[in-house]
N, C-alpha and C. Protein backbone atom coordinates (compact mmCIF):
# COMPACT_ATOMS: atom_id res chain seq x y z
N MET A 1 210.38 55.70 130.28
CA MET A 1 209.79 55.73 129.41
C MET A 1 210.13 54.14 128.65
N LEU A 2 209.55 53.52 127.95
CA LEU A 2 209.99 52.60 127.43
C LEU A 2 210.06 52.75 126.02
N LYS A 3 211.20 52.61 124.54
CA LYS A 3 210.50 52.76 123.36
C LYS A 3 209.87 51.98 122.99
N GLN A 4 208.88 52.26 122.06
CA GLN A 4 207.55 51.57 121.72
C GLN A 4 208.00 51.42 120.40
N PHE A 5 207.87 50.47 119.49
CA PHE A 5 207.48 49.30 118.10
C PHE A 5 206.08 48.59 118.09
N TYR A 6 205.95 49.05 116.75
CA TYR A 6 204.45 48.89 116.48
C TYR A 6 205.13 47.31 115.34
N VAL A 7 203.70 46.38 115.88
CA VAL A 7 203.81 44.97 115.27
C VAL A 7 202.55 44.68 114.82
N LYS A 8 202.68 43.85 113.38
CA LYS A 8 201.45 43.73 113.09
C LYS A 8 200.62 42.55 113.86
N GLU A 9 201.74 41.26 114.08
CA GLU A 9 201.22 40.50 114.97
C GLU A 9 200.46 40.38 116.04
N SER A 10 199.85 39.48 116.36
CA SER A 10 199.02 39.29 117.46
C SER A 10 200.22 39.28 118.97
N LEU A 11 199.51 40.38 119.85
CA LEU A 11 200.38 40.61 121.32
C LEU A 11 199.41 39.88 122.57
N THR A 12 200.19 38.95 123.33
CA THR A 12 199.40 38.82 124.47
C THR A 12 200.73 38.62 125.70
N ALA A 13 199.81 39.12 126.89
CA ALA A 13 200.96 38.73 127.64
C ALA A 13 201.37 37.25 128.29
N GLN A 14 202.43 37.61 128.84
CA GLN A 14 203.37 35.99 129.50
C GLN A 14 203.25 35.51 128.39
N THR A 15 203.63 35.65 126.83
CA THR A 15 203.88 34.95 125.73
C THR A 15 205.57 35.29 125.36
N LEU A 16 206.04 34.24 124.48
CA LEU A 16 207.20 33.92 123.82
C LEU A 16 207.34 34.93 122.44
N PHE A 17 207.65 36.05 122.30
CA PHE A 17 207.12 36.54 120.63
C PHE A 17 208.65 36.27 119.97
N LYS A 18 208.03 35.79 118.79
CA LYS A 18 209.11 36.07 117.59
C LYS A 18 209.27 37.09 116.71
N PRO A 19 209.94 38.17 116.56
CA PRO A 19 209.50 39.38 115.62
C PRO A 19 210.33 39.20 114.60
N ALA A 20 209.58 39.91 113.24
CA ALA A 20 209.53 39.90 112.09
C ALA A 20 211.42 40.26 112.07
N GLU A 21 211.74 39.50 110.77
CA GLU A 21 213.62 39.98 110.69
C GLU A 21 213.98 41.39 110.86
N SER A 22 213.15 42.11 110.43
CA SER A 22 213.24 43.45 110.21
C SER A 22 213.51 44.38 111.66
N LEU A 23 212.66 43.54 112.38
CA LEU A 23 212.71 43.91 113.71
C LEU A 23 213.88 44.01 114.31
N SER A 24 213.68 42.56 114.74
CA SER A 24 215.11 42.29 115.06
C SER A 24 216.57 42.52 114.71
N LYS A 25 216.99 43.22 113.49
CA LYS A 25 217.69 43.87 112.96
C LYS A 25 217.47 45.05 113.22
N ARG A 26 216.78 45.23 113.39
CA ARG A 26 216.26 47.02 113.65
C ARG A 26 217.36 47.02 115.89
N LEU A 27 216.27 46.26 116.36
CA LEU A 27 217.09 46.22 117.58
C LEU A 27 217.99 45.74 117.93
N SER A 28 218.74 45.00 117.45
CA SER A 28 220.10 44.37 117.68
C SER A 28 221.60 45.55 116.84
N ARG A 29 221.06 45.63 115.61
CA ARG A 29 221.75 46.37 115.01
C ARG A 29 222.32 47.76 114.93
N VAL A 30 220.82 48.44 114.65
CA VAL A 30 220.39 49.75 114.48
C VAL A 30 220.55 50.02 116.17
N LEU A 31 220.09 49.83 117.11
CA LEU A 31 219.55 50.22 118.14
C LEU A 31 220.75 49.33 119.34
N ARG A 32 221.69 48.55 118.93
CA ARG A 32 222.30 47.73 119.51
C ARG A 32 222.02 47.37 121.01
N LEU A 33 220.62 47.05 121.02
CA LEU A 33 220.24 46.52 122.37
C LEU A 33 220.60 44.79 122.49
N LYS A 34 220.43 44.61 123.79
CA LYS A 34 221.20 43.34 124.08
C LYS A 34 220.11 42.41 125.14
N ALA A 35 220.56 41.14 125.51
CA ALA A 35 219.76 40.27 125.59
C ALA A 35 219.31 41.09 127.33
N CYS A 36 218.05 40.79 127.43
CA CYS A 36 217.40 41.70 129.01
C CYS A 36 217.28 42.97 128.86
N ASP A 37 217.42 43.64 127.57
CA ASP A 37 216.71 45.09 127.60
C ASP A 37 215.57 45.07 127.47
N LYS A 38 214.85 45.72 127.77
CA LYS A 38 213.39 46.11 127.08
C LYS A 38 212.91 47.09 126.43
N ILE A 39 212.16 46.81 125.85
CA ILE A 39 211.20 47.81 125.18
C ILE A 39 209.81 47.66 125.19
N ALA A 40 208.83 48.52 124.56
CA ALA A 40 207.76 48.50 124.49
C ALA A 40 206.84 47.90 122.71
N LEU A 41 205.83 47.09 122.75
CA LEU A 41 205.22 46.75 121.35
C LEU A 41 203.74 47.20 121.97
N PHE A 42 203.22 47.43 120.52
CA PHE A 42 201.99 47.87 120.63
C PHE A 42 201.76 47.61 119.16
N ASN A 43 200.17 47.53 119.21
CA ASN A 43 199.22 47.94 117.75
C ASN A 43 197.95 47.40 118.59
N GLU A 44 196.99 47.42 118.01
CA GLU A 44 195.25 47.79 118.09
C GLU A 44 195.01 46.85 119.47
N ALA A 45 195.99 45.96 119.73
CA ALA A 45 195.50 45.28 121.47
C ALA A 45 195.95 45.65 122.14
N GLY A 46 196.73 47.02 122.38
CA GLY A 46 197.21 47.71 123.29
C GLY A 46 198.66 47.75 123.47
N LEU A 47 199.17 48.53 124.93
CA LEU A 47 201.19 48.37 124.68
C LEU A 47 201.54 47.43 125.57
N PHE A 48 202.82 46.70 125.02
CA PHE A 48 203.10 45.58 125.86
C PHE A 48 204.72 45.78 126.30
N GLU A 49 205.13 45.54 127.69
CA GLU A 49 206.26 45.25 127.98
C GLU A 49 206.71 44.09 127.53
N ALA A 50 208.36 44.42 126.85
CA ALA A 50 208.74 43.19 126.07
C ALA A 50 210.46 42.95 126.93
N GLU A 51 211.07 41.66 126.96
CA GLU A 51 212.32 41.64 127.19
C GLU A 51 212.78 41.37 126.03
N LEU A 52 213.93 41.32 125.36
CA LEU A 52 214.75 40.62 124.59
C LEU A 52 215.25 39.66 125.38
N LYS A 53 215.47 38.24 124.74
CA LYS A 53 215.91 36.92 125.40
C LYS A 53 217.37 36.67 125.07
N ASP A 54 217.73 37.51 123.91
CA ASP A 54 218.94 36.69 123.41
C ASP A 54 219.75 38.32 122.43
N ASP A 55 220.96 38.89 122.12
CA ASP A 55 221.65 39.34 121.83
C ASP A 55 221.07 39.96 120.17
N LYS A 56 220.68 38.71 119.73
CA LYS A 56 220.42 38.97 118.48
C LYS A 56 218.90 39.69 118.31
N ALA A 57 218.18 39.45 118.99
CA ALA A 57 216.49 39.67 119.12
C ALA A 57 215.48 38.92 118.40
N LYS A 58 216.00 37.71 118.30
CA LYS A 58 215.47 36.51 117.84
C LYS A 58 213.96 36.40 118.56
N GLU A 59 213.78 36.25 120.06
CA GLU A 59 212.85 36.11 120.62
C GLU A 59 212.67 37.37 121.98
N LEU A 60 211.19 37.40 121.92
CA LEU A 60 211.15 38.61 123.04
C LEU A 60 210.10 38.08 124.13
N TRP A 61 210.40 37.89 125.55
CA TRP A 61 209.34 37.51 126.07
C TRP A 61 208.26 39.22 126.77
N ILE A 62 207.36 38.80 126.12
CA ILE A 62 205.97 39.61 126.48
C ILE A 62 205.64 39.72 127.57
N SER A 63 205.80 40.42 128.97
CA SER A 63 205.65 40.25 130.42
C SER A 63 204.22 40.43 130.69
N GLN A 64 204.11 41.59 130.20
CA GLN A 64 202.64 42.31 130.68
C GLN A 64 201.97 43.69 129.56
N ARG A 65 200.71 43.76 129.84
CA ARG A 65 199.96 44.97 129.10
C ARG A 65 199.94 45.99 129.88
N LEU A 66 201.07 47.07 129.69
CA LEU A 66 201.02 48.37 130.15
C LEU A 66 199.80 49.71 129.75
N LYS A 67 199.54 49.25 128.41
CA LYS A 67 198.02 50.16 128.53
C LYS A 67 197.06 49.49 127.33
N ALA A 68 195.86 49.99 128.01
CA ALA A 68 194.77 48.89 127.11
C ALA A 68 194.63 49.87 125.69
N PRO A 69 194.19 49.16 124.47
CA PRO A 69 193.56 49.87 123.26
C PRO A 69 192.88 51.29 123.36
N VAL A 70 193.70 51.95 122.75
CA VAL A 70 193.10 53.59 122.46
C VAL A 70 192.83 54.21 121.01
N ARG A 71 191.36 54.10 121.14
CA ARG A 71 191.18 54.13 119.65
C ARG A 71 191.09 55.71 119.03
N PRO A 72 191.65 55.68 117.43
CA PRO A 72 192.02 56.99 117.47
C PRO A 72 191.04 57.79 117.31
N GLU A 73 191.22 59.03 117.21
CA GLU A 73 189.78 59.91 116.64
C GLU A 73 189.54 59.88 115.91
N PRO A 74 187.73 60.03 115.51
CA PRO A 74 187.12 59.68 114.11
C PRO A 74 187.29 60.46 113.10
N VAL A 75 188.23 60.63 112.57
CA VAL A 75 188.47 61.65 111.68
C VAL A 75 189.08 61.07 111.04
N THR A 76 189.03 61.10 109.25
CA THR A 76 189.45 60.72 107.81
C THR A 76 190.55 61.75 107.61
N LEU A 77 191.51 61.50 107.17
CA LEU A 77 192.03 62.84 106.31
C LEU A 77 192.17 62.87 105.07
N LEU A 78 191.01 63.71 104.24
CA LEU A 78 191.03 63.62 102.78
C LEU A 78 191.53 64.89 102.11
N ILE A 79 193.29 64.31 101.50
CA ILE A 79 194.29 64.98 101.20
C ILE A 79 194.46 64.94 99.60
N CYS A 80 194.37 66.11 99.18
CA CYS A 80 195.17 66.06 97.70
C CYS A 80 195.79 65.54 97.39
N MET A 81 197.03 65.36 97.12
CA MET A 81 198.44 64.85 96.85
C MET A 81 199.31 66.61 96.58
N PRO A 82 200.18 66.57 97.04
CA PRO A 82 200.73 68.02 96.93
C PRO A 82 202.28 67.29 96.71
N LYS A 83 203.14 67.95 96.58
CA LYS A 83 204.60 67.28 95.97
C LYS A 83 205.02 66.27 97.51
N LYS A 84 206.16 65.82 97.26
CA LYS A 84 206.78 64.30 97.81
C LYS A 84 206.84 64.85 98.74
N ASP A 85 207.89 65.85 99.65
CA ASP A 85 207.99 66.28 100.50
C ASP A 85 206.95 66.90 101.71
N ALA A 86 206.41 67.57 100.79
CA ALA A 86 204.91 67.78 101.74
C ALA A 86 204.08 66.88 101.92
N MET A 87 203.88 65.86 101.26
CA MET A 87 202.94 64.68 101.68
C MET A 87 203.70 64.34 102.62
N ASP A 88 204.80 63.62 102.79
CA ASP A 88 205.64 62.85 103.75
C ASP A 88 205.01 64.08 105.28
N ARG A 89 205.36 64.99 105.31
CA ARG A 89 205.38 65.85 106.38
C ARG A 89 203.53 65.60 106.35
N ILE A 90 202.41 65.98 105.87
CA ILE A 90 201.42 65.55 105.85
C ILE A 90 201.02 64.00 106.60
N LEU A 91 201.87 63.23 106.04
CA LEU A 91 201.19 61.84 106.58
C LEU A 91 201.45 61.83 108.41
N ARG A 92 202.99 62.41 108.27
CA ARG A 92 203.75 62.69 110.03
C ARG A 92 202.70 63.14 110.59
N GLN A 93 202.23 64.32 110.48
CA GLN A 93 201.32 65.52 111.36
C GLN A 93 199.94 64.82 111.23
N ALA A 94 198.86 63.86 110.30
CA ALA A 94 198.19 63.48 110.71
C ALA A 94 198.17 62.35 111.88
N THR A 95 199.43 61.80 111.48
CA THR A 95 199.57 60.80 112.13
C THR A 95 199.41 61.14 114.01
N GLU A 96 200.43 62.07 113.70
CA GLU A 96 200.65 62.68 115.36
C GLU A 96 199.57 63.54 115.97
N MET A 97 198.37 63.92 115.02
CA MET A 97 197.16 64.58 115.44
C MET A 97 196.27 63.43 115.71
N GLY A 98 196.33 61.79 115.66
CA GLY A 98 195.81 61.06 115.86
C GLY A 98 194.38 60.49 115.08
N VAL A 99 194.51 60.99 113.70
CA VAL A 99 193.64 60.40 112.61
C VAL A 99 193.23 58.98 112.64
N LYS A 100 192.40 58.66 111.95
CA LYS A 100 192.15 57.01 111.80
C LYS A 100 192.65 56.77 110.72
N ALA A 101 192.41 57.31 109.45
CA ALA A 101 192.73 56.82 107.82
C ALA A 101 192.82 58.16 107.61
N ILE A 102 193.82 58.05 106.03
CA ILE A 102 194.20 59.12 105.50
C ILE A 102 193.95 58.72 104.30
N GLN A 103 193.26 59.55 103.16
CA GLN A 103 193.01 59.18 101.80
C GLN A 103 193.80 60.30 100.61
N PRO A 104 194.69 59.50 100.06
CA PRO A 104 194.82 60.50 99.20
C PRO A 104 193.94 60.62 97.55
N LEU A 105 194.09 61.66 97.28
CA LEU A 105 193.62 62.01 96.32
C LEU A 105 193.80 62.70 94.93
N VAL A 106 193.20 62.47 93.88
CA VAL A 106 193.35 62.94 92.83
C VAL A 106 192.79 64.20 92.61
N SER A 107 193.14 65.29 91.90
CA SER A 107 192.07 66.24 91.53
C SER A 107 192.81 67.23 90.31
N ASP A 108 191.56 67.89 90.12
CA ASP A 108 192.48 68.80 88.65
C ASP A 108 193.71 69.59 89.15
N PHE A 109 194.01 69.69 89.90
CA PHE A 109 195.42 70.59 90.10
C PHE A 109 196.46 69.75 91.09
N THR A 110 196.12 68.82 91.20
CA THR A 110 196.66 67.78 91.87
C THR A 110 198.11 67.71 91.21
N VAL A 111 199.22 67.34 92.02
CA VAL A 111 200.87 66.99 91.71
C VAL A 111 200.47 65.85 91.18
N LYS A 112 201.21 65.33 90.02
CA LYS A 112 201.04 64.07 89.61
C LYS A 112 202.18 63.22 89.89
N ASP A 113 202.58 63.60 90.83
CA ASP A 113 203.49 62.22 91.61
C ASP A 113 202.64 61.19 92.35
N LYS A 114 203.46 60.01 92.11
CA LYS A 114 202.83 58.40 91.93
C LYS A 114 203.06 58.59 93.61
N PHE A 115 202.10 57.84 94.34
CA PHE A 115 201.93 57.41 95.54
C PHE A 115 201.93 56.37 96.14
N ASN A 116 203.14 56.11 96.76
CA ASN A 116 203.80 54.73 97.50
C ASN A 116 202.94 54.48 98.57
N ILE A 117 202.15 53.79 98.64
CA ILE A 117 201.41 53.20 99.75
C ILE A 117 202.27 52.23 100.37
N GLU A 118 202.81 51.61 100.07
CA GLU A 118 203.95 51.00 101.29
C GLU A 118 204.95 52.28 101.56
N ARG A 119 205.72 53.01 101.09
CA ARG A 119 206.22 53.73 101.50
C ARG A 119 205.68 54.81 102.52
N ALA A 120 204.50 55.14 102.24
CA ALA A 120 203.54 55.98 103.13
C ALA A 120 203.05 54.96 104.23
N GLU A 121 202.81 53.74 104.50
CA GLU A 121 202.75 53.00 105.76
C GLU A 121 203.97 53.05 106.48
N LEU A 122 205.15 53.08 106.00
CA LEU A 122 206.30 53.16 106.83
C LEU A 122 206.66 54.21 107.07
N ILE A 123 206.07 55.35 106.95
CA ILE A 123 206.21 57.08 107.60
C ILE A 123 204.90 57.06 108.38
N VAL A 124 203.76 56.70 108.50
CA VAL A 124 203.08 56.41 109.70
C VAL A 124 203.36 55.72 110.79
N VAL A 125 203.95 54.61 110.60
CA VAL A 125 204.22 53.51 112.04
C VAL A 125 205.35 54.92 112.22
N GLU A 126 206.81 55.12 111.41
CA GLU A 126 207.62 55.54 112.33
C GLU A 126 206.91 56.96 113.42
N ALA A 127 205.99 57.28 112.64
CA ALA A 127 205.76 58.42 113.14
C ALA A 127 204.74 58.36 114.66
N ALA A 128 204.19 56.81 114.48
CA ALA A 128 203.23 56.60 115.78
C ALA A 128 203.85 56.46 116.61
N GLU A 129 205.24 55.62 116.30
CA GLU A 129 206.10 55.00 117.51
C GLU A 129 206.65 56.09 118.05
N GLN A 130 207.22 57.38 117.46
CA GLN A 130 207.59 58.41 117.84
C GLN A 130 206.56 59.13 119.14
N CYS A 131 205.91 59.69 118.47
CA CYS A 131 204.47 60.31 118.82
C CYS A 131 204.08 59.53 120.06
N GLU A 132 204.12 58.08 120.11
CA GLU A 132 203.76 57.29 121.23
C GLU A 132 201.97 56.78 121.44
N ARG A 133 201.35 56.90 120.12
CA ARG A 133 200.31 56.35 119.62
C ARG A 133 200.11 55.09 119.56
N LEU A 134 199.02 54.35 120.16
CA LEU A 134 198.80 53.30 120.26
C LEU A 134 198.13 52.29 119.11
N SER A 135 198.01 53.26 118.19
CA SER A 135 197.34 52.86 116.64
C SER A 135 198.21 53.53 115.64
N VAL A 136 198.30 52.87 114.42
CA VAL A 136 198.55 53.48 113.29
C VAL A 136 197.63 53.62 112.01
N PRO A 137 197.63 54.80 111.36
CA PRO A 137 196.31 55.54 110.80
C PRO A 137 196.36 54.37 109.28
N VAL A 138 194.97 54.07 108.59
CA VAL A 138 194.72 53.31 107.45
C VAL A 138 195.50 54.22 106.73
N ILE A 139 196.01 53.48 105.75
CA ILE A 139 196.19 54.29 104.48
C ILE A 139 195.60 53.43 103.39
N HIS A 140 194.83 54.22 102.53
CA HIS A 140 193.99 53.87 101.86
C HIS A 140 194.77 54.25 100.20
N LYS A 141 194.07 53.54 99.47
CA LYS A 141 194.43 53.35 98.03
C LYS A 141 194.02 54.71 97.34
N VAL A 142 194.73 55.35 96.34
CA VAL A 142 194.43 57.06 95.90
C VAL A 142 193.05 56.68 95.26
N ARG A 143 192.10 57.72 95.04
CA ARG A 143 191.03 57.98 94.90
C ARG A 143 190.80 59.17 94.48
N THR A 144 189.52 59.36 93.53
CA THR A 144 189.43 60.66 92.77
C THR A 144 188.66 61.47 94.02
N LEU A 145 188.39 62.68 93.52
CA LEU A 145 187.62 63.63 94.46
C LEU A 145 186.34 63.30 94.74
N LYS A 146 185.44 62.98 93.74
CA LYS A 146 184.29 62.56 93.81
C LYS A 146 183.94 61.41 94.75
N GLU A 147 185.03 60.49 94.11
CA GLU A 147 185.03 58.98 94.63
C GLU A 147 184.92 59.10 96.14
N ALA A 148 185.63 59.82 96.98
CA ALA A 148 186.11 60.21 98.03
C ALA A 148 184.68 60.74 98.97
N VAL A 149 183.83 61.74 97.98
CA VAL A 149 182.89 62.76 98.32
C VAL A 149 181.71 61.65 98.62
N LEU A 150 181.79 61.07 98.14
CA LEU A 150 180.48 60.24 98.03
C LEU A 150 180.65 58.72 98.91
N GLU A 151 181.53 58.81 99.74
CA GLU A 151 181.96 57.73 100.96
C GLU A 151 181.83 58.12 101.98
N HIS A 152 181.69 59.19 102.12
CA HIS A 152 182.05 59.93 103.71
C HIS A 152 180.36 60.73 103.72
N SER A 153 179.97 60.45 105.06
CA SER A 153 178.41 61.25 105.33
C SER A 153 178.55 62.73 105.95
N GLN A 154 179.75 63.06 106.20
CA GLN A 154 179.87 64.52 106.75
C GLN A 154 180.80 64.92 106.49
N ILE A 155 181.57 65.74 105.78
CA ILE A 155 182.70 66.34 105.31
C ILE A 155 182.90 67.96 105.88
N CYS A 156 184.28 68.03 106.65
CA CYS A 156 184.42 69.56 106.15
C CYS A 156 185.57 70.05 105.90
N TRP A 157 185.48 70.92 104.47
CA TRP A 157 186.24 71.10 103.55
C TRP A 157 187.00 72.57 104.43
N CYS A 158 188.23 72.32 103.96
CA CYS A 158 188.67 73.42 104.49
C CYS A 158 189.27 74.42 102.96
N ALA A 159 188.26 75.36 103.25
CA ALA A 159 187.89 76.41 101.90
C ALA A 159 188.65 77.73 101.72
N GLU A 160 189.21 78.35 100.90
CA GLU A 160 189.78 79.67 101.36
C GLU A 160 188.86 80.81 101.16
N ARG A 161 189.31 81.73 101.92
CA ARG A 161 188.64 83.05 101.62
C ARG A 161 186.91 82.85 101.99
N THR A 162 186.88 81.83 103.19
CA THR A 162 185.55 81.92 104.08
C THR A 162 186.05 82.37 105.12
N ASP A 163 184.45 82.46 105.91
CA ASP A 163 184.74 82.96 107.39
C ASP A 163 183.55 82.17 108.04
N ALA A 164 183.17 80.79 107.28
CA ALA A 164 182.77 79.59 107.86
C ALA A 164 183.26 78.98 109.03
N LYS A 165 182.71 79.02 109.83
CA LYS A 165 182.82 78.06 111.47
C LYS A 165 182.82 76.78 111.40
N PHE A 166 183.46 76.20 112.03
CA PHE A 166 183.42 74.71 112.39
C PHE A 166 182.11 74.40 112.82
N GLY A 167 181.42 73.31 112.37
CA GLY A 167 180.29 72.85 113.10
C GLY A 167 180.23 72.67 115.09
N GLU A 168 178.77 72.45 115.37
CA GLU A 168 178.88 72.04 116.38
C GLU A 168 179.17 70.76 116.86
N PRO A 169 179.90 70.38 118.01
CA PRO A 169 180.17 69.34 118.41
C PRO A 169 179.35 68.15 118.42
N HIS A 170 177.71 68.35 118.51
CA HIS A 170 176.96 67.41 118.43
C HIS A 170 176.29 66.59 116.81
N LEU A 171 177.15 67.69 116.42
CA LEU A 171 177.12 67.34 114.55
C LEU A 171 178.32 66.22 114.27
N MET A 172 179.33 66.11 115.30
CA MET A 172 180.47 65.89 114.62
C MET A 172 180.96 64.51 115.46
N ASP A 173 179.97 63.53 115.21
CA ASP A 173 180.35 62.34 116.02
C ASP A 173 181.88 61.26 115.42
N GLU A 174 181.36 61.74 113.94
CA GLU A 174 182.36 61.31 112.85
C GLU A 174 182.45 62.49 111.44
N ALA A 175 183.78 62.58 111.12
CA ALA A 175 183.95 63.28 110.02
C ALA A 175 185.03 63.27 109.61
N ALA A 176 185.02 63.78 108.12
CA ALA A 176 186.29 63.87 106.93
C ALA A 176 186.41 65.28 107.13
N LEU A 177 188.28 65.49 107.43
CA LEU A 177 188.29 66.63 106.70
C LEU A 177 189.18 66.71 105.33
N LEU A 178 188.27 67.72 104.88
CA LEU A 178 189.25 67.62 102.87
C LEU A 178 190.01 69.08 102.73
N VAL A 179 191.41 68.90 102.95
CA VAL A 179 192.35 69.10 102.07
C VAL A 179 192.68 69.42 100.66
N GLY A 180 192.55 70.49 99.89
CA GLY A 180 192.98 70.82 98.69
C GLY A 180 194.22 70.37 98.37
N PRO A 181 194.37 70.67 96.69
CA PRO A 181 196.07 70.98 96.44
C PRO A 181 196.75 72.19 96.72
N GLU A 182 197.51 72.09 96.64
CA GLU A 182 198.40 73.70 96.76
C GLU A 182 198.14 74.50 95.86
N GLY A 183 197.46 73.98 94.39
CA GLY A 183 196.77 75.15 93.14
C GLY A 183 195.56 75.54 93.73
N GLY A 184 195.00 74.98 94.62
CA GLY A 184 193.82 74.96 94.51
C GLY A 184 192.45 74.14 94.17
N PHE A 185 191.57 74.21 94.41
CA PHE A 185 190.52 73.52 93.69
C PHE A 185 190.10 74.57 92.40
N SER A 186 189.89 73.56 91.72
CA SER A 186 189.26 74.54 90.13
C SER A 186 188.14 74.59 90.39
N ASP A 187 187.45 75.38 89.21
CA ASP A 187 186.23 75.93 89.70
C ASP A 187 184.69 75.02 89.07
N VAL A 188 185.12 73.97 88.51
CA VAL A 188 184.38 73.22 88.32
C VAL A 188 184.28 72.19 89.85
N GLU A 189 185.42 71.93 90.18
CA GLU A 189 185.23 71.41 91.50
C GLU A 189 184.74 71.84 92.78
N LYS A 190 184.63 72.99 92.81
CA LYS A 190 184.58 73.92 93.96
C LYS A 190 182.85 73.92 93.41
N GLU A 191 182.15 74.19 92.34
CA GLU A 191 180.72 74.41 92.11
C GLU A 191 180.37 72.84 92.62
N TYR A 192 180.91 71.15 92.26
CA TYR A 192 180.72 70.45 93.16
C TYR A 192 180.58 70.08 94.32
N LEU A 193 181.28 70.67 95.08
CA LEU A 193 181.23 70.78 96.26
C LEU A 193 180.28 71.28 97.11
N LEU A 194 180.62 72.16 96.31
CA LEU A 194 179.31 73.40 97.08
C LEU A 194 177.59 72.84 96.83
N ALA A 195 177.59 72.21 95.88
CA ALA A 195 176.44 71.48 95.91
C ALA A 195 175.86 70.14 96.75
N GLN A 196 176.97 69.65 97.23
CA GLN A 196 176.73 68.63 98.08
C GLN A 196 176.59 68.85 99.31
N GLU A 197 175.66 68.73 99.74
CA GLU A 197 174.60 68.90 101.24
C GLU A 197 175.56 68.45 102.43
N HIS A 198 176.37 67.74 101.97
CA HIS A 198 177.48 67.03 103.47
C HIS A 198 178.34 67.64 103.61
N VAL A 199 179.11 68.41 102.26
CA VAL A 199 180.13 68.98 102.51
C VAL A 199 180.16 70.29 102.99
N VAL A 200 180.38 71.05 104.25
CA VAL A 200 180.81 71.81 104.88
C VAL A 200 181.81 72.39 104.74
N PRO A 201 181.83 73.53 104.03
CA PRO A 201 183.00 74.87 103.93
C PRO A 201 183.50 75.39 105.26
N VAL A 202 184.52 75.41 105.35
CA VAL A 202 185.00 76.20 106.60
C VAL A 202 186.21 76.32 106.64
N GLY A 203 186.41 77.47 107.32
CA GLY A 203 187.55 78.49 107.21
C GLY A 203 188.82 78.30 108.21
N LEU A 204 189.58 78.51 107.71
CA LEU A 204 191.15 78.77 108.32
C LEU A 204 191.62 79.90 108.59
N GLY A 205 191.28 81.03 108.53
CA GLY A 205 192.05 82.53 109.20
C GLY A 205 191.97 83.05 107.68
N ARG A 206 192.69 83.97 107.78
CA ARG A 206 192.76 85.20 106.61
C ARG A 206 193.66 85.07 106.10
N PHE A 207 194.26 83.77 106.20
CA PHE A 207 195.59 83.70 104.93
C PHE A 207 195.14 82.36 104.11
N VAL A 208 196.10 82.39 102.76
CA VAL A 208 196.09 81.22 102.16
C VAL A 208 197.21 80.40 102.64
N LEU A 209 197.10 79.06 103.58
CA LEU A 209 197.51 78.46 103.97
C LEU A 209 198.46 77.50 102.98
N ARG A 210 199.66 76.99 103.19
CA ARG A 210 199.91 75.35 102.58
C ARG A 210 199.24 74.51 102.89
N ALA A 211 199.59 73.11 102.14
CA ALA A 211 198.53 71.95 102.61
C ALA A 211 198.92 71.70 104.01
N ASP A 212 200.11 71.18 103.93
CA ASP A 212 200.98 70.86 105.07
C ASP A 212 200.03 72.14 106.47
N THR A 213 200.20 73.09 106.21
CA THR A 213 199.66 73.57 106.84
C THR A 213 198.32 73.61 107.50
N ALA A 214 197.69 73.76 106.40
CA ALA A 214 196.16 73.70 106.34
C ALA A 214 195.61 72.38 107.11
N VAL A 215 196.44 71.34 106.81
CA VAL A 215 196.19 69.70 107.60
C VAL A 215 196.19 70.18 108.80
N VAL A 216 197.17 70.67 109.57
CA VAL A 216 197.47 70.62 110.67
C VAL A 216 196.33 71.85 111.73
N ALA A 217 196.15 73.14 110.88
CA ALA A 217 195.26 73.50 111.44
C ALA A 217 193.65 73.46 111.17
N GLY A 218 193.42 72.72 110.31
CA GLY A 218 191.96 72.00 110.19
C GLY A 218 191.77 70.93 110.94
N LEU A 219 193.03 70.08 111.14
CA LEU A 219 192.39 68.85 112.03
C LEU A 219 192.52 69.54 113.40
N SER A 220 193.16 70.31 114.08
CA SER A 220 193.22 70.76 115.44
C SER A 220 191.91 71.64 115.69
N ARG A 221 191.46 72.16 114.57
CA ARG A 221 189.60 72.41 115.01
C ARG A 221 188.77 71.98 115.05
N LEU A 222 189.11 70.55 114.20
CA LEU A 222 188.04 69.84 113.98
C LEU A 222 187.84 68.81 115.11
N LEU A 223 189.41 68.35 115.62
CA LEU A 223 189.21 67.31 116.65
C LEU A 223 188.67 68.23 117.97
N ASN A 224 188.57 69.77 117.48
CA ASN A 224 188.35 70.30 119.16
C ASN A 224 186.69 70.44 119.49
N GLN A 225 186.14 69.96 118.26
CA GLN A 225 184.55 70.21 118.06
C GLN A 225 183.92 68.54 118.61
N LEU A 226 185.04 67.54 118.68
CA LEU A 226 184.81 66.03 118.32
C LEU A 226 184.38 65.74 120.08
């Protein structure tokens, strides 16, 4: 299996491709690839086989498309930001689970760390390359809880201490999964969420989960309903 690398530029078979300097350095200096070595490039156009034309990876020959584009899962993760390490894990895990977008949120009990969107994009690109998916989730700018709730027509809220089940498959053509902060939502926020008809509380079991654990558990159950 060829090692995969994400690129933003347009990809077409039977063309000469000049990668960004950062990718050229990664291929030649970090991975120490040489002329005639083969890799795979991917983005929304699909997965393509490419061969290094020189030892410095300044030019690649794209020979053929190996796989057609694959649409990401129709799910957006709405995550109230935890501490930095936990947020990094969530970015990787949500990418591996196939979400199409990740929306970081601020809420009453959110950790007040700054969110570096450029760094987050690097993390999800690396995760996409490692798990061999053919797309990279969109990372949105930070929004408030209420802003995110108003932007989505169907939200599954991973609520604590509830036995509510996830909805039927035919109700889940596209949805967002809402995971609260590690301190939980405030009473005011809970009242607001419960008052929204399109926000459905769902349970994740008997125990109170960490935010990154809740993301994986919630996404796995939601994706099974799509």
